[in-house]
Amino acid sequence: MPIHIIYSAADREEAPAKPDENQWFTLIKNEDQLETDADNNPWNNRPAIIKKRYEPLDDCVASIRPARSLDPIDQKEHQKGLYFIEISSNTQNKSYSSRKLYQWKNAIEIIGKFEGLSFQTAERVWKVKKL
């Protein structure tokens, strides 16, 4: 299922308190969401008068995933406060997860290296950094 971004805008005459709240974006991961989530302004529930669909480019999606887990034998929590770093493609079904665990601060630093990169470039960075 392809992901889409829906740009919506409401009537400016009935604009909310903040000037930029008459427009909003909705990330659509499921076609059924299209008619419901993008129809009304999330701040004042005014109907959208403009809806435009965009197809995202294949930029890198970077995530921080908790590594906290439960040992099935001793029933104790392990890796609390540690995280995996993941990158994935926005359009392909392809992803990488780190083999090391990181503290939050370090994970944020590492994810910063992927800002604005295409997935193809991010793959190369991932391999060079041996994450």
N, C-alpha and C. Protein backbone atom coordinates (compact mmCIF):
# COMPACT_ATOMS: atom_id res chain seq x y z
N MET A 1 0.84 -1.18 0.00
CA MET A 1 0.00 0.00 0.00
C MET A 1 0.88 1.25 0.00
N PRO A 2 0.78 2.08 -1.02
CA PRO A 2 1.60 3.29 -1.06
C PRO A 2 1.16 4.31 -0.01
N ILE A 3 2.12 5.04 0.49
CA ILE A 3 1.86 6.10 1.46
C ILE A 3 1.64 7.39 0.69
N HIS A 4 0.72 8.21 1.17
CA HIS A 4 0.46 9.50 0.55
C HIS A 4 0.44 10.57 1.64
N ILE A 5 0.69 11.80 1.21
CA ILE A 5 0.55 12.95 2.08
C ILE A 5 -0.59 13.78 1.50
N ILE A 6 -1.54 14.12 2.34
CA ILE A 6 -2.67 14.96 1.90
C ILE A 6 -2.50 16.34 2.50
N TYR A 7 -2.45 17.35 1.63
CA TYR A 7 -2.45 18.74 2.08
C TYR A 7 -3.90 19.20 2.06
N SER A 8 -4.36 19.76 3.16
CA SER A 8 -5.73 20.26 3.25
C SER A 8 -5.70 21.70 3.74
N ALA A 9 -6.69 22.47 3.32
CA ALA A 9 -6.81 23.85 3.78
C ALA A 9 -8.28 24.17 3.99
N ALA A 10 -8.55 24.96 5.03
CA ALA A 10 -9.91 25.40 5.35
C ALA A 10 -10.07 26.85 4.93
N ASP A 11 -11.27 27.35 5.02
CA ASP A 11 -11.60 28.72 4.69
C ASP A 11 -10.83 29.68 5.58
N ARG A 12 -10.09 30.61 5.00
CA ARG A 12 -9.29 31.57 5.78
C ARG A 12 -10.17 32.58 6.52
N GLU A 13 -11.37 32.83 6.06
CA GLU A 13 -12.25 33.77 6.76
C GLU A 13 -12.60 33.26 8.16
N GLU A 14 -12.63 31.97 8.32
CA GLU A 14 -12.94 31.37 9.61
C GLU A 14 -11.67 30.79 10.23
N ALA A 15 -10.54 31.44 9.97
CA ALA A 15 -9.26 30.92 10.42
C ALA A 15 -9.19 30.85 11.95
N PRO A 16 -8.49 29.84 12.46
CA PRO A 16 -8.32 29.73 13.90
C PRO A 16 -7.37 30.81 14.44
N ALA A 17 -7.11 30.78 15.72
CA ALA A 17 -6.30 31.80 16.39
C ALA A 17 -4.93 31.98 15.75
N LYS A 18 -4.27 30.90 15.40
CA LYS A 18 -2.95 30.98 14.78
C LYS A 18 -3.10 30.97 13.26
N PRO A 19 -2.41 31.87 12.55
CA PRO A 19 -2.59 31.98 11.10
C PRO A 19 -2.29 30.71 10.31
N ASP A 20 -1.34 29.88 10.78
CA ASP A 20 -0.98 28.68 10.02
C ASP A 20 -1.89 27.49 10.32
N GLU A 21 -2.90 27.68 11.16
CA GLU A 21 -3.78 26.56 11.51
C GLU A 21 -4.98 26.43 10.58
N ASN A 22 -4.96 27.12 9.44
CA ASN A 22 -6.01 26.90 8.47
C ASN A 22 -5.56 25.87 7.42
N GLN A 23 -4.34 25.35 7.58
CA GLN A 23 -3.85 24.30 6.68
C GLN A 23 -3.22 23.19 7.51
N TRP A 24 -3.30 21.96 7.02
CA TRP A 24 -2.76 20.81 7.75
C TRP A 24 -2.37 19.72 6.78
N PHE A 25 -1.54 18.82 7.26
CA PHE A 25 -1.07 17.68 6.47
C PHE A 25 -1.49 16.40 7.15
N THR A 26 -1.84 15.41 6.36
CA THR A 26 -2.24 14.12 6.89
C THR A 26 -1.43 13.04 6.17
N LEU A 27 -0.76 12.21 6.94
CA LEU A 27 -0.01 11.08 6.39
C LEU A 27 -0.98 9.91 6.26
N ILE A 28 -1.19 9.46 5.04
CA ILE A 28 -2.16 8.40 4.77
C ILE A 28 -1.41 7.10 4.49
N LYS A 29 -1.60 6.13 5.36
CA LYS A 29 -0.98 4.82 5.19
C LYS A 29 -2.00 3.78 4.75
N ASN A 30 -3.27 4.17 4.77
CA ASN A 30 -4.35 3.26 4.44
C ASN A 30 -5.39 4.07 3.66
N GLU A 31 -5.80 3.62 2.51
CA GLU A 31 -6.72 4.37 1.65
C GLU A 31 -8.02 4.73 2.37
N ASP A 32 -8.46 3.94 3.33
CA ASP A 32 -9.70 4.23 4.05
C ASP A 32 -9.60 5.51 4.87
N GLN A 33 -8.40 5.91 5.25
CA GLN A 33 -8.20 7.13 6.03
C GLN A 33 -8.49 8.38 5.22
N LEU A 34 -8.33 8.33 3.92
CA LEU A 34 -8.36 9.51 3.08
C LEU A 34 -9.60 10.37 3.31
N GLU A 35 -10.75 9.79 3.29
CA GLU A 35 -11.98 10.57 3.38
C GLU A 35 -12.27 11.06 4.79
N THR A 36 -11.69 10.46 5.80
CA THR A 36 -12.03 10.86 7.16
C THR A 36 -10.98 11.77 7.79
N ASP A 37 -9.73 11.39 7.77
CA ASP A 37 -8.70 12.14 8.50
C ASP A 37 -8.33 13.47 7.87
N ALA A 38 -8.46 13.62 6.59
CA ALA A 38 -8.03 14.86 5.93
C ALA A 38 -9.19 15.82 5.68
N ASP A 39 -10.41 15.42 6.03
CA ASP A 39 -11.58 16.24 5.71
C ASP A 39 -11.78 17.46 6.57
N ASN A 40 -11.45 17.38 7.85
CA ASN A 40 -11.75 18.48 8.76
C ASN A 40 -10.51 19.00 9.46
N ASN A 41 -10.51 20.32 9.66
CA ASN A 41 -9.42 20.99 10.35
C ASN A 41 -9.30 20.41 11.77
N PRO A 42 -8.11 19.92 12.14
CA PRO A 42 -7.97 19.29 13.45
C PRO A 42 -8.06 20.27 14.62
N TRP A 43 -7.97 21.58 14.36
CA TRP A 43 -8.02 22.57 15.44
C TRP A 43 -9.40 23.14 15.68
N ASN A 44 -10.22 23.26 14.61
CA ASN A 44 -11.56 23.83 14.82
C ASN A 44 -12.66 23.07 14.09
N ASN A 45 -12.30 21.96 13.49
CA ASN A 45 -13.25 21.05 12.83
C ASN A 45 -13.96 21.65 11.61
N ARG A 46 -13.43 22.76 11.05
CA ARG A 46 -14.00 23.33 9.83
C ARG A 46 -13.68 22.41 8.67
N PRO A 47 -14.57 22.31 7.68
CA PRO A 47 -14.30 21.41 6.55
C PRO A 47 -13.19 21.94 5.65
N ALA A 48 -12.48 21.01 5.06
CA ALA A 48 -11.44 21.37 4.08
C ALA A 48 -12.10 21.85 2.80
N ILE A 49 -11.56 22.93 2.26
CA ILE A 49 -12.06 23.38 0.96
C ILE A 49 -11.06 23.02 -0.14
N ILE A 50 -9.84 22.64 0.27
CA ILE A 50 -8.80 22.19 -0.67
C ILE A 50 -8.21 20.91 -0.10
N LYS A 51 -8.08 19.91 -0.94
CA LYS A 51 -7.36 18.68 -0.57
C LYS A 51 -6.51 18.28 -1.77
N LYS A 52 -5.23 18.14 -1.53
CA LYS A 52 -4.32 17.76 -2.61
C LYS A 52 -3.45 16.61 -2.14
N ARG A 53 -3.35 15.60 -2.98
CA ARG A 53 -2.57 14.40 -2.65
C ARG A 53 -1.16 14.52 -3.22
N TYR A 54 -0.17 14.17 -2.38
CA TYR A 54 1.22 14.13 -2.80
C TYR A 54 1.77 12.73 -2.58
N GLU A 55 2.69 12.33 -3.44
CA GLU A 55 3.39 11.06 -3.25
C GLU A 55 4.76 11.37 -2.67
N PRO A 56 5.07 10.83 -1.49
CA PRO A 56 6.37 11.12 -0.90
C PRO A 56 7.50 10.53 -1.74
N LEU A 57 8.63 11.21 -1.72
CA LEU A 57 9.83 10.69 -2.38
C LEU A 57 10.45 9.64 -1.47
N ASP A 58 11.40 8.92 -1.99
CA ASP A 58 11.99 7.83 -1.21
C ASP A 58 13.08 8.35 -0.28
N ASP A 59 12.69 9.22 0.63
CA ASP A 59 13.62 9.69 1.64
C ASP A 59 13.72 8.66 2.75
N CYS A 60 14.77 8.77 3.51
CA CYS A 60 15.02 7.85 4.62
C CYS A 60 14.05 8.15 5.77
N VAL A 61 13.44 7.11 6.28
CA VAL A 61 12.64 7.21 7.49
C VAL A 61 13.52 6.70 8.63
N ALA A 62 13.77 7.54 9.63
CA ALA A 62 14.63 7.16 10.75
C ALA A 62 13.78 7.02 12.00
N SER A 63 14.02 5.94 12.75
CA SER A 63 13.22 5.66 13.95
C SER A 63 14.12 5.25 15.10
N ILE A 64 13.61 5.50 16.28
CA ILE A 64 14.25 5.00 17.49
C ILE A 64 13.26 4.04 18.13
N ARG A 65 13.68 2.80 18.30
CA ARG A 65 12.79 1.76 18.83
C ARG A 65 13.31 1.30 20.18
N PRO A 66 12.47 1.29 21.21
CA PRO A 66 12.91 0.81 22.53
C PRO A 66 13.40 -0.64 22.46
N ALA A 67 14.46 -0.91 23.18
CA ALA A 67 15.01 -2.28 23.22
C ALA A 67 14.58 -3.02 24.49
N ARG A 68 13.83 -2.36 25.35
CA ARG A 68 13.38 -2.97 26.60
C ARG A 68 12.67 -4.28 26.30
N SER A 69 13.05 -5.30 27.02
CA SER A 69 12.48 -6.63 26.75
C SER A 69 12.34 -7.42 28.03
N LEU A 70 11.58 -8.50 27.95
CA LEU A 70 11.34 -9.37 29.08
C LEU A 70 11.98 -10.73 28.79
N ASP A 71 12.82 -11.17 29.69
CA ASP A 71 13.45 -12.49 29.56
C ASP A 71 12.40 -13.54 29.93
N PRO A 72 12.10 -14.49 29.03
CA PRO A 72 11.05 -15.48 29.33
C PRO A 72 11.43 -16.46 30.44
N ILE A 73 12.72 -16.56 30.74
CA ILE A 73 13.13 -17.51 31.77
C ILE A 73 13.11 -16.87 33.15
N ASP A 74 13.83 -15.76 33.32
CA ASP A 74 13.88 -15.16 34.66
C ASP A 74 12.80 -14.11 34.90
N GLN A 75 11.99 -13.81 33.87
CA GLN A 75 10.89 -12.85 33.95
C GLN A 75 11.34 -11.45 34.41
N LYS A 76 12.58 -11.10 34.06
CA LYS A 76 13.09 -9.78 34.41
C LYS A 76 13.21 -8.92 33.15
N GLU A 77 13.09 -7.60 33.36
CA GLU A 77 13.27 -6.65 32.26
C GLU A 77 14.75 -6.48 31.98
N HIS A 78 15.06 -6.38 30.71
CA HIS A 78 16.44 -6.15 30.29
C HIS A 78 16.46 -5.00 29.28
N GLN A 79 17.62 -4.39 29.08
CA GLN A 79 17.86 -3.31 28.12
C GLN A 79 16.97 -2.08 28.36
N LYS A 80 16.54 -1.87 29.59
CA LYS A 80 15.72 -0.70 29.91
C LYS A 80 16.55 0.57 29.69
N GLY A 81 15.98 1.55 29.01
CA GLY A 81 16.67 2.80 28.74
C GLY A 81 17.61 2.74 27.54
N LEU A 82 17.55 1.64 26.79
CA LEU A 82 18.38 1.49 25.58
C LEU A 82 17.48 1.35 24.36
N TYR A 83 18.06 1.71 23.20
CA TYR A 83 17.25 1.81 21.98
C TYR A 83 17.99 1.27 20.76
N PHE A 84 17.20 0.73 19.82
CA PHE A 84 17.68 0.39 18.49
C PHE A 84 17.50 1.62 17.62
N ILE A 85 18.32 1.74 16.61
CA ILE A 85 18.12 2.75 15.57
C ILE A 85 17.69 1.99 14.32
N GLU A 86 16.68 2.50 13.65
CA GLU A 86 16.21 1.87 12.42
C GLU A 86 16.10 2.93 11.32
N ILE A 87 16.43 2.51 10.12
CA ILE A 87 16.13 3.33 8.95
C ILE A 87 15.32 2.46 8.01
N SER A 88 14.41 3.10 7.28
CA SER A 88 13.62 2.36 6.31
C SER A 88 13.32 3.25 5.12
N SER A 89 12.92 2.60 4.06
CA SER A 89 12.57 3.30 2.83
C SER A 89 11.13 3.80 2.94
N ASN A 90 10.88 4.96 2.38
CA ASN A 90 9.54 5.52 2.37
C ASN A 90 8.65 4.84 1.33
N THR A 91 9.25 4.24 0.31
CA THR A 91 8.45 3.66 -0.77
C THR A 91 8.71 2.17 -1.00
N GLN A 92 9.86 1.67 -0.55
CA GLN A 92 10.17 0.26 -0.71
C GLN A 92 9.94 -0.45 0.62
N ASN A 93 9.83 -1.72 0.59
CA ASN A 93 9.68 -2.48 1.82
C ASN A 93 11.07 -2.94 2.27
N LYS A 94 11.91 -1.99 2.68
CA LYS A 94 13.28 -2.28 3.02
C LYS A 94 13.67 -1.49 4.26
N SER A 95 14.36 -2.15 5.21
CA SER A 95 14.77 -1.44 6.42
C SER A 95 16.02 -2.08 7.02
N TYR A 96 16.68 -1.31 7.89
CA TYR A 96 17.85 -1.79 8.62
C TYR A 96 17.67 -1.45 10.10
N SER A 97 18.07 -2.35 10.98
CA SER A 97 18.06 -2.10 12.42
C SER A 97 19.48 -2.22 12.95
N SER A 98 19.82 -1.37 13.91
CA SER A 98 21.17 -1.40 14.47
C SER A 98 21.40 -2.70 15.24
N ARG A 99 22.63 -3.11 15.28
CA ARG A 99 23.01 -4.31 16.04
C ARG A 99 23.47 -3.93 17.44
N LYS A 100 23.76 -2.66 17.63
CA LYS A 100 24.11 -2.15 18.95
C LYS A 100 22.90 -1.44 19.53
N LEU A 101 22.90 -1.31 20.85
CA LEU A 101 21.86 -0.55 21.54
C LEU A 101 22.47 0.77 21.99
N TYR A 102 21.67 1.81 21.98
CA TYR A 102 22.15 3.15 22.29
C TYR A 102 21.29 3.81 23.36
N GLN A 103 21.88 4.72 24.10
CA GLN A 103 21.10 5.56 24.99
C GLN A 103 20.40 6.61 24.12
N TRP A 104 19.33 7.18 24.64
CA TRP A 104 18.50 8.10 23.87
C TRP A 104 19.32 9.23 23.23
N LYS A 105 20.16 9.87 24.02
CA LYS A 105 20.95 11.00 23.54
C LYS A 105 21.83 10.60 22.35
N ASN A 106 22.46 9.43 22.45
CA ASN A 106 23.31 8.95 21.35
C ASN A 106 22.48 8.58 20.13
N ALA A 107 21.31 7.99 20.36
CA ALA A 107 20.43 7.61 19.24
C ALA A 107 19.99 8.85 18.47
N ILE A 108 19.64 9.91 19.17
CA ILE A 108 19.24 11.16 18.52
C ILE A 108 20.39 11.71 17.68
N GLU A 109 21.59 11.68 18.22
CA GLU A 109 22.78 12.14 17.48
C GLU A 109 22.96 11.37 16.18
N ILE A 110 22.87 10.05 16.27
CA ILE A 110 23.08 9.20 15.10
C ILE A 110 21.98 9.43 14.06
N ILE A 111 20.75 9.53 14.50
CA ILE A 111 19.64 9.75 13.57
C ILE A 111 19.81 11.06 12.82
N GLY A 112 20.43 12.04 13.45
CA GLY A 112 20.69 13.33 12.79
C GLY A 112 21.52 13.19 11.53
N LYS A 113 22.33 12.14 11.44
CA LYS A 113 23.16 11.92 10.26
C LYS A 113 22.33 11.56 9.02
N PHE A 114 21.06 11.16 9.22
CA PHE A 114 20.21 10.73 8.12
C PHE A 114 19.23 11.80 7.66
N GLU A 115 19.27 12.95 8.30
CA GLU A 115 18.32 14.02 7.96
C GLU A 115 18.48 14.44 6.51
N GLY A 116 17.37 14.44 5.79
CA GLY A 116 17.33 14.91 4.41
C GLY A 116 17.93 13.98 3.37
N LEU A 117 18.33 12.77 3.76
CA LEU A 117 18.95 11.85 2.81
C LEU A 117 17.92 11.00 2.09
N SER A 118 18.20 10.69 0.84
CA SER A 118 17.39 9.69 0.14
C SER A 118 17.71 8.34 0.80
N PHE A 119 16.83 7.36 0.62
CA PHE A 119 17.10 6.06 1.23
C PHE A 119 18.36 5.44 0.65
N GLN A 120 18.59 5.62 -0.63
CA GLN A 120 19.78 5.06 -1.27
C GLN A 120 21.06 5.63 -0.63
N THR A 121 21.09 6.92 -0.39
CA THR A 121 22.24 7.54 0.27
C THR A 121 22.33 7.08 1.72
N ALA A 122 21.19 6.99 2.40
CA ALA A 122 21.17 6.55 3.80
C ALA A 122 21.72 5.13 3.94
N GLU A 123 21.41 4.26 2.97
CA GLU A 123 21.95 2.89 2.99
C GLU A 123 23.48 2.92 2.98
N ARG A 124 24.04 3.77 2.13
CA ARG A 124 25.50 3.86 2.06
C ARG A 124 26.09 4.37 3.37
N VAL A 125 25.46 5.40 3.96
CA VAL A 125 25.92 5.92 5.25
C VAL A 125 25.83 4.83 6.30
N TRP A 126 24.75 4.08 6.32
CA TRP A 126 24.53 3.00 7.30
C TRP A 126 25.67 1.97 7.21
N LYS A 127 26.00 1.60 5.99
CA LYS A 127 27.05 0.58 5.80
C LYS A 127 28.44 1.11 6.17
N VAL A 128 28.71 2.37 5.82
CA VAL A 128 30.02 2.96 6.15
C VAL A 128 30.18 3.09 7.66
N LYS A 129 29.11 3.51 8.34
CA LYS A 129 29.16 3.70 9.80
C LYS A 129 29.06 2.36 10.56
N LYS A 130 28.75 1.28 9.83
CA LYS A 130 28.62 -0.07 10.42
C LYS A 130 27.67 -0.09 11.62
N LEU A 131 26.50 0.46 11.39
CA LEU A 131 25.50 0.51 12.44
C LEU A 131 24.78 -0.83 12.54
